[in-house]
Amino acid sequence: MKKHFLLTLLLVFLCLPEYIRAMDEYALLQIGYTQGLSNSAVLSLYQDNHGFMWFGTYDGLNNYDGKTMNVYRTDMAVKKQLLNNVIYHVDGAENNCLWISTNTGINCFSVNKRCVVGSYEMFKDDFILYSNRKGNTWVMDKDDVYYYNVPLRNFVKVHKKDKVFNKELSFVDEKGYLWLFSSKDNSVYRCHVDDFSQENPNFSTIRTNIHQKRIEYTFYQNGILSFIDKDNDLFLFDIMRNTKVYIRNVEELVRKYGAIKGIISFYDDIVIAFIRNGLIKLDAASRYSESVIDRNIRIFSVYKDPVQDIIWVGTDGQGVMVYSKKHSLSTHLMFSHLQNKIIR
């Protein structure tokens, strides 16, 4: 009788939908109005050098320290204010500051002073700012390429943008190189300024070859470039080690789930964020077969914590969703100061 019951229980488990078993692997935390989030539509996510999270929303800039939420909005009574309350991107800037991108320009926001310390209204609508954690910063608009000159405290035009480059694919690596991808062929270029802290640095453009086919999608975080080529093959490229790993073809996944917002290497698996269909996991142990983590979210932004094994997801209407593996919760601690008794 007992054996029969156990066999029945096993069969029931094996017949459960994949998403139930996949979701059971993860601990989920939701950050919303209850925690003080100013708006449930979260367009951008970023973790500063102190480990605090910053959320760009449709109604202001939010700072979350794990306990409290501080909200920063446009204030006409303040001389230096946010240009707009709709925050599309939050990126790292030099001198412990943040770049805040809105549809009316860019703000430089001081993390220490908790206020705007610079405004750049020369960029409107059709522009994207790229930056690394050191604050090496570039901007591309519809016509030109700019870099941020630290001593001049301004953006300097260095290159007439070739219209064949797709600025949606670009990113800045840890060395400060701006990567440009052709929308016509497999050409890839790296723009380089030898010293962002000089008034008149040398500028160069270097062609590089990382793939034989045209790249049509990129997602870059923490030194790893995830890209999909014209044949819908997914690869991971470690820029520092110059190594490339083939994952699988994702044509069927894109047809099934729609447009991709982000691709993250998580432990040995791959997590893909789909704009309209949530999070899907590709399981390395089963040749990257798919399983559902959570399909009940629409995704604006996705961010892998650079310190801890956590995935932060900015949603359209549900605030911020935080995912971590259940078996690793004990490692998700950050200490700025340790007691003297703690020796390990």
Protein backbone atom coordinates (compact mmCIF):
# COMPACT_ATOMS: atom_id res chain seq x y z
CA MET A 1 0.00 0.00 0.00
CA LYS A 2 2.82 2.37 0.95
CA LYS A 3 4.75 1.57 -2.25
CA HIS A 4 1.60 2.16 -4.30
CA PHE A 5 1.07 5.54 -2.61
CA LEU A 6 4.69 6.61 -3.21
CA LEU A 7 4.51 5.55 -6.86
CA THR A 8 1.30 7.49 -7.32
CA LEU A 9 2.84 10.54 -5.66
CA LEU A 10 5.87 10.33 -7.96
CA LEU A 11 3.67 10.10 -11.06
CA VAL A 12 1.65 13.11 -9.93
CA PHE A 13 4.84 15.12 -9.44
CA LEU A 14 6.18 14.17 -12.87
CA CYS A 15 2.92 15.25 -14.45
CA LEU A 16 2.95 18.67 -12.79
CA PRO A 17 3.38 21.65 -15.12
CA GLU A 18 7.02 22.62 -15.63
CA TYR A 19 6.48 26.10 -14.17
CA ILE A 20 5.40 24.70 -10.79
CA ARG A 21 8.63 22.73 -10.42
CA ALA A 22 10.76 25.60 -11.75
CA MET A 23 9.14 28.19 -9.49
CA ASP A 24 9.70 25.92 -6.50
CA GLU A 25 13.45 26.45 -6.97
CA TYR A 26 13.23 30.18 -6.34
CA ALA A 27 12.47 32.46 -3.44
CA LEU A 28 10.43 35.47 -4.51
CA LEU A 29 10.24 38.94 -2.97
CA GLN A 30 8.01 41.71 -4.32
CA ILE A 31 8.80 45.39 -3.74
CA GLY A 32 5.86 47.70 -4.35
CA TYR A 33 3.70 50.41 -2.82
CA THR A 34 3.86 48.71 0.59
CA GLN A 35 7.63 49.30 0.67
CA GLY A 36 7.18 52.91 -0.51
CA LEU A 37 7.82 52.46 -4.24
CA SER A 38 6.57 55.60 -6.00
CA ASN A 39 5.18 53.81 -9.06
CA SER A 40 4.59 50.17 -9.95
CA ALA A 41 6.02 50.56 -13.47
CA VAL A 42 9.80 50.16 -13.07
CA LEU A 43 11.74 51.06 -16.20
CA SER A 44 15.33 50.74 -14.94
CA LEU A 45 17.36 49.05 -12.20
CA TYR A 46 20.86 49.75 -10.89
CA GLN A 47 22.97 48.88 -7.83
CA ASP A 48 25.45 51.54 -6.68
CA ASN A 49 28.89 50.96 -5.16
CA HIS A 50 27.41 50.87 -1.65
CA GLY A 51 25.07 48.00 -2.58
CA PHE A 52 21.91 50.14 -2.57
CA MET A 53 19.33 49.66 -5.31
CA TRP A 54 18.02 52.45 -7.53
CA PHE A 55 14.75 52.12 -9.43
CA GLY A 56 13.76 54.41 -12.31
CA THR A 57 9.97 54.55 -12.57
CA TYR A 58 7.21 56.43 -14.39
CA ASP A 59 6.99 58.67 -11.33
CA GLY A 60 10.39 59.45 -9.92
CA LEU A 61 13.72 57.97 -8.87
CA ASN A 62 13.62 55.48 -5.98
CA ASN A 63 16.46 54.40 -3.66
CA TYR A 64 16.01 51.18 -1.67
CA ASP A 65 18.37 50.02 1.10
CA GLY A 66 16.53 46.81 1.97
CA LYS A 67 14.42 48.52 4.63
CA THR A 68 13.36 51.96 3.52
CA MET A 69 12.55 53.65 0.23
CA ASN A 70 13.55 57.23 -0.61
CA VAL A 71 11.85 58.89 -3.57
CA TYR A 72 13.25 61.80 -5.62
CA ARG A 73 11.01 63.75 -7.99
CA THR A 74 11.07 66.95 -9.99
CA ASP A 75 10.70 69.90 -7.61
CA MET A 76 10.24 73.35 -9.12
CA ALA A 77 11.36 74.94 -5.85
CA VAL A 78 14.81 73.34 -6.18
CA LYS A 79 17.37 75.01 -8.44
CA LYS A 80 18.93 71.79 -9.66
CA GLN A 81 16.18 69.27 -10.15
CA LEU A 82 15.40 66.13 -12.10
CA LEU A 83 14.48 67.09 -15.65
CA ASN A 84 11.58 64.68 -15.70
CA ASN A 85 9.83 62.20 -13.41
CA VAL A 86 9.83 59.49 -16.08
CA ILE A 87 13.19 57.77 -15.50
CA TYR A 88 14.14 55.56 -18.45
CA HIS A 89 17.65 54.56 -17.40
CA VAL A 90 19.84 54.69 -14.28
CA ASP A 91 23.57 54.16 -14.92
CA GLY A 92 26.86 54.59 -13.09
CA ALA A 93 28.75 57.90 -13.29
CA GLU A 94 32.16 58.96 -12.00
CA ASN A 95 32.73 60.35 -8.49
CA ASN A 96 30.01 58.20 -6.90
CA CYS A 97 27.23 59.67 -9.01
CA LEU A 98 24.45 58.30 -11.21
CA TRP A 99 23.33 59.14 -14.72
CA ILE A 100 19.57 59.63 -14.85
CA SER A 101 18.15 59.49 -18.39
CA THR A 102 14.76 61.05 -19.14
CA ASN A 103 13.01 61.99 -22.37
CA THR A 104 14.01 65.61 -21.85
CA GLY A 105 17.70 65.08 -21.15
CA ILE A 106 20.22 63.64 -18.71
CA ASN A 107 20.81 64.41 -15.04
CA CYS A 108 23.92 63.69 -12.98
CA PHE A 109 22.74 62.70 -9.50
CA SER A 110 25.10 62.58 -6.51
CA VAL A 111 24.67 59.48 -4.33
CA ASN A 112 26.48 61.19 -1.43
CA LYS A 113 24.57 64.49 -1.57
CA ARG A 114 21.29 62.92 -2.73
CA CYS A 115 20.66 65.69 -5.21
CA VAL A 116 21.13 66.65 -8.87
CA VAL A 117 24.61 68.07 -9.54
CA GLY A 118 24.40 68.42 -13.32
CA SER A 119 21.88 68.64 -16.17
CA TYR A 120 22.40 68.03 -19.89
CA GLU A 121 19.46 69.01 -22.05
CA MET A 122 21.36 68.72 -25.33
CA PHE A 123 20.00 65.19 -25.76
CA LYS A 124 16.32 64.78 -26.55
CA ASP A 125 14.22 61.67 -27.11
CA ASP A 126 16.28 59.59 -29.55
CA PHE A 127 19.45 58.96 -27.51
CA ILE A 128 20.95 56.22 -25.34
CA LEU A 129 23.54 56.66 -22.59
CA TYR A 130 26.04 53.84 -21.95
CA SER A 131 28.29 53.60 -18.91
CA ASN A 132 30.28 51.12 -16.84
CA ARG A 133 30.67 51.01 -13.06
CA LYS A 134 33.75 53.27 -13.25
CA GLY A 135 31.65 55.95 -14.88
CA ASN A 136 33.27 55.74 -18.34
CA THR A 137 30.36 57.20 -20.27
CA TRP A 138 29.22 57.48 -23.88
CA VAL A 139 26.06 58.74 -25.55
CA MET A 140 24.72 57.97 -29.00
CA ASP A 141 21.91 59.96 -30.58
CA LYS A 142 20.50 59.61 -34.09
CA ASP A 143 23.52 61.33 -35.68
CA ASP A 144 26.59 61.36 -33.44
CA VAL A 145 28.70 59.64 -30.77
CA TYR A 146 29.79 61.53 -27.63
CA TYR A 147 31.92 60.70 -24.61
CA TYR A 148 31.83 62.37 -21.20
CA ASN A 149 34.94 64.47 -20.57
CA VAL A 150 35.51 64.51 -16.79
CA PRO A 151 37.59 67.73 -16.43
CA LEU A 152 35.28 69.65 -18.79
CA ARG A 153 32.21 68.13 -17.10
CA ASN A 154 30.53 67.92 -20.46
CA PHE A 155 29.83 65.58 -23.37
CA VAL A 156 32.21 65.89 -26.32
CA LYS A 157 31.34 64.78 -29.85
CA VAL A 158 34.02 62.49 -31.23
CA HIS A 159 32.48 60.61 -34.10
CA LYS A 160 29.81 60.94 -36.77
CA LYS A 161 27.70 57.85 -36.22
CA ASP A 162 27.47 55.54 -39.18
CA LYS A 163 23.76 54.95 -39.72
CA VAL A 164 24.31 51.22 -40.25
CA PHE A 165 25.09 50.83 -36.52
CA ASN A 166 22.23 49.72 -34.30
CA LYS A 167 22.54 51.72 -31.10
CA GLU A 168 20.16 49.34 -29.30
CA LEU A 169 22.95 46.74 -29.36
CA SER A 170 25.76 48.93 -27.99
CA PHE A 171 27.30 48.78 -24.51
CA VAL A 172 30.40 49.91 -22.58
CA ASP A 173 32.77 47.27 -21.19
CA GLU A 174 34.92 47.43 -18.04
CA LYS A 175 37.80 49.09 -19.89
CA GLY A 176 35.58 51.91 -21.15
CA TYR A 177 35.28 50.72 -24.76
CA LEU A 178 32.01 51.51 -26.54
CA TRP A 179 31.00 48.52 -28.67
CA LEU A 180 29.17 49.22 -31.95
CA PHE A 181 27.36 46.56 -34.00
CA SER A 182 26.50 46.81 -37.68
CA SER A 183 22.87 46.23 -38.67
CA LYS A 184 23.97 45.06 -42.15
CA ASP A 185 26.77 42.54 -41.56
CA ASN A 186 28.93 40.99 -38.83
CA SER A 187 31.11 44.10 -38.34
CA VAL A 188 31.84 45.06 -34.74
CA TYR A 189 33.80 48.17 -33.70
CA ARG A 190 35.11 49.44 -30.38
CA CYS A 191 35.40 53.18 -29.76
CA HIS A 192 38.16 54.08 -27.32
CA VAL A 193 39.23 57.18 -25.41
CA ASP A 194 42.64 56.64 -23.82
CA ASP A 195 41.86 58.74 -20.73
CA PHE A 196 38.45 60.10 -19.76
CA SER A 197 40.12 62.39 -17.19
CA GLN A 198 42.13 64.36 -19.79
CA GLU A 199 40.83 67.45 -21.55
CA ASN A 200 42.19 66.34 -24.94
CA PRO A 201 42.49 62.55 -24.97
CA ASN A 202 43.20 60.43 -28.02
CA PHE A 203 40.21 58.80 -29.69
CA SER A 204 40.36 55.64 -31.80
CA THR A 205 38.05 53.10 -33.41
CA ILE A 206 39.09 49.46 -33.58
CA ARG A 207 37.42 46.77 -35.63
CA THR A 208 37.07 43.43 -33.89
CA ASN A 209 35.76 40.03 -34.93
CA ILE A 210 33.75 38.06 -32.39
CA HIS A 211 31.29 36.23 -34.64
CA GLN A 212 30.98 35.18 -38.26
CA LYS A 213 27.29 36.10 -38.57
CA ARG A 214 25.40 39.34 -38.05
CA ILE A 215 24.42 39.90 -34.40
CA GLU A 216 20.83 41.00 -33.92
CA TYR A 217 20.41 41.09 -30.13
CA THR A 218 22.78 41.82 -27.25
CA PHE A 219 22.53 41.98 -23.46
CA TYR A 220 25.60 42.93 -21.44
CA GLN A 221 26.16 42.84 -17.68
CA ASN A 222 29.10 42.07 -15.39
CA GLY A 223 31.58 41.22 -18.13
CA ILE A 224 29.36 38.73 -19.98
CA LEU A 225 27.84 39.51 -23.37
CA SER A 226 24.81 37.43 -24.31
CA PHE A 227 24.00 37.72 -28.00
CA ILE A 228 21.72 36.20 -30.64
CA ASP A 229 22.78 36.07 -34.27
CA LYS A 230 20.70 36.25 -37.44
CA ASP A 231 20.03 32.49 -37.27
CA ASN A 232 18.61 32.82 -33.73
CA ASP A 233 21.56 31.04 -32.14
CA LEU A 234 22.30 32.17 -28.58
CA PHE A 235 25.89 32.59 -27.35
CA LEU A 236 27.63 33.79 -24.19
CA PHE A 237 30.83 35.75 -24.73
CA ASP A 238 33.24 36.46 -21.86
CA ILE A 239 34.93 39.69 -22.94
CA MET A 240 37.89 39.58 -20.55
CA ARG A 241 38.77 35.95 -21.37
CA ASN A 242 37.76 36.31 -25.04
CA THR A 243 35.84 33.02 -24.90
CA LYS A 244 32.52 32.20 -26.56
CA VAL A 245 30.06 29.43 -25.65
CA TYR A 246 27.14 28.25 -27.77
CA ILE A 247 23.93 27.71 -25.78
CA ARG A 248 21.13 26.78 -28.19
CA ASN A 249 18.84 28.04 -30.94
CA VAL A 250 16.06 30.25 -29.56
CA GLU A 251 13.88 30.72 -32.65
CA GLU A 252 11.10 28.57 -31.19
CA LEU A 253 11.29 30.42 -27.85
CA VAL A 254 10.98 33.84 -29.52
CA ARG A 255 8.05 32.62 -31.60
CA LYS A 256 6.40 31.24 -28.45
CA TYR A 257 7.14 34.00 -25.92
CA GLY A 258 7.85 37.10 -28.02
CA ALA A 259 10.47 39.83 -27.72
CA ILE A 260 13.40 39.43 -25.29
CA LYS A 261 14.31 42.07 -22.70
CA GLY A 262 17.34 40.43 -21.10
CA ILE A 263 19.45 37.26 -20.92
CA ILE A 264 21.30 36.37 -17.71
CA SER A 265 23.69 33.58 -16.83
CA PHE A 266 22.43 32.40 -13.44
CA TYR A 267 24.49 29.68 -11.76
CA ASP A 268 24.95 27.19 -14.64
CA ASP A 269 21.57 27.99 -16.18
CA ILE A 270 20.37 30.76 -18.47
CA VAL A 271 17.42 32.99 -17.52
CA ILE A 272 15.67 34.82 -20.35
CA ALA A 273 13.35 37.74 -19.60
CA PHE A 274 10.57 38.15 -22.18
CA ILE A 275 8.80 41.50 -22.30
CA ARG A 276 5.27 40.09 -22.34
CA ASN A 277 5.80 36.59 -20.98
CA GLY A 278 7.97 36.77 -17.89
CA LEU A 279 11.00 34.65 -17.00
CA ILE A 280 12.01 31.40 -18.69
CA LYS A 281 14.90 29.21 -17.54
CA LEU A 282 17.16 27.18 -19.81
CA ASP A 283 18.39 24.29 -17.68
CA ALA A 284 22.06 23.44 -18.30
CA ALA A 285 21.61 19.98 -16.76
CA SER A 286 19.10 19.05 -19.47
CA ARG A 287 20.82 20.56 -22.53
CA TYR A 288 19.20 23.94 -21.94
CA SER A 289 15.62 22.73 -22.15
CA GLU A 290 13.08 25.38 -21.17
CA SER A 291 11.02 25.68 -18.01
CA VAL A 292 8.90 28.56 -16.72
CA ILE A 293 9.98 30.56 -13.69
CA ASP A 294 7.15 33.10 -13.80
CA ARG A 295 4.94 34.05 -16.75
CA ASN A 296 2.63 36.34 -14.79
CA ILE A 297 4.74 39.48 -15.26
CA ARG A 298 5.39 41.99 -18.02
CA ILE A 299 9.00 43.10 -17.94
CA PHE A 300 10.53 46.56 -18.46
CA SER A 301 14.02 45.84 -17.09
CA VAL A 302 16.13 43.02 -15.68
CA TYR A 303 19.35 43.23 -13.65
CA LYS A 304 21.68 40.62 -12.17
CA ASP A 305 23.06 41.71 -8.83
CA PRO A 306 26.85 42.18 -9.30
CA VAL A 307 27.54 41.07 -5.70
CA GLN A 308 24.90 38.47 -4.85
CA ASP A 309 23.14 35.73 -6.81
CA ILE A 310 19.92 37.68 -7.20
CA ILE A 311 17.87 38.66 -10.24
CA TRP A 312 16.03 41.98 -10.01
CA VAL A 313 13.10 42.47 -12.40
CA GLY A 314 11.38 45.79 -13.09
CA THR A 315 7.81 45.10 -14.12
CA ASP A 316 4.93 46.89 -15.80
CA GLY A 317 2.50 47.27 -12.92
CA GLN A 318 3.84 44.91 -10.23
CA GLY A 319 6.82 46.90 -8.99
CA VAL A 320 10.13 45.08 -8.53
CA MET A 321 10.29 41.28 -8.35
CA VAL A 322 13.38 39.74 -6.75
CA TYR A 323 14.36 36.13 -7.48
CA SER A 324 17.01 33.98 -5.80
CA LYS A 325 17.69 30.27 -5.51
CA LYS A 326 16.13 28.92 -2.31
CA HIS A 327 19.12 26.77 -1.38
CA SER A 328 21.44 29.80 -1.48
CA LEU A 329 19.47 32.27 0.65
CA SER A 330 22.01 32.07 3.43
CA THR A 331 24.65 33.62 1.16
CA HIS A 332 22.58 36.69 0.33
CA LEU A 333 24.01 38.93 3.03
CA MET A 334 26.04 42.12 2.69
CA PHE A 335 28.04 43.61 5.55
CA SER A 336 29.70 47.01 5.42
CA HIS A 337 31.24 46.43 8.86
CA LEU A 338 31.97 43.17 10.69
CA GLN A 339 32.22 42.70 14.42
CA ASN A 340 35.66 41.95 15.82
CA LYS A 341 34.50 38.51 16.96
CA ILE A 342 33.79 37.50 13.38
CA ILE A 343 37.07 36.24 11.97
CA ARG A 344 35.78 34.45 8.82
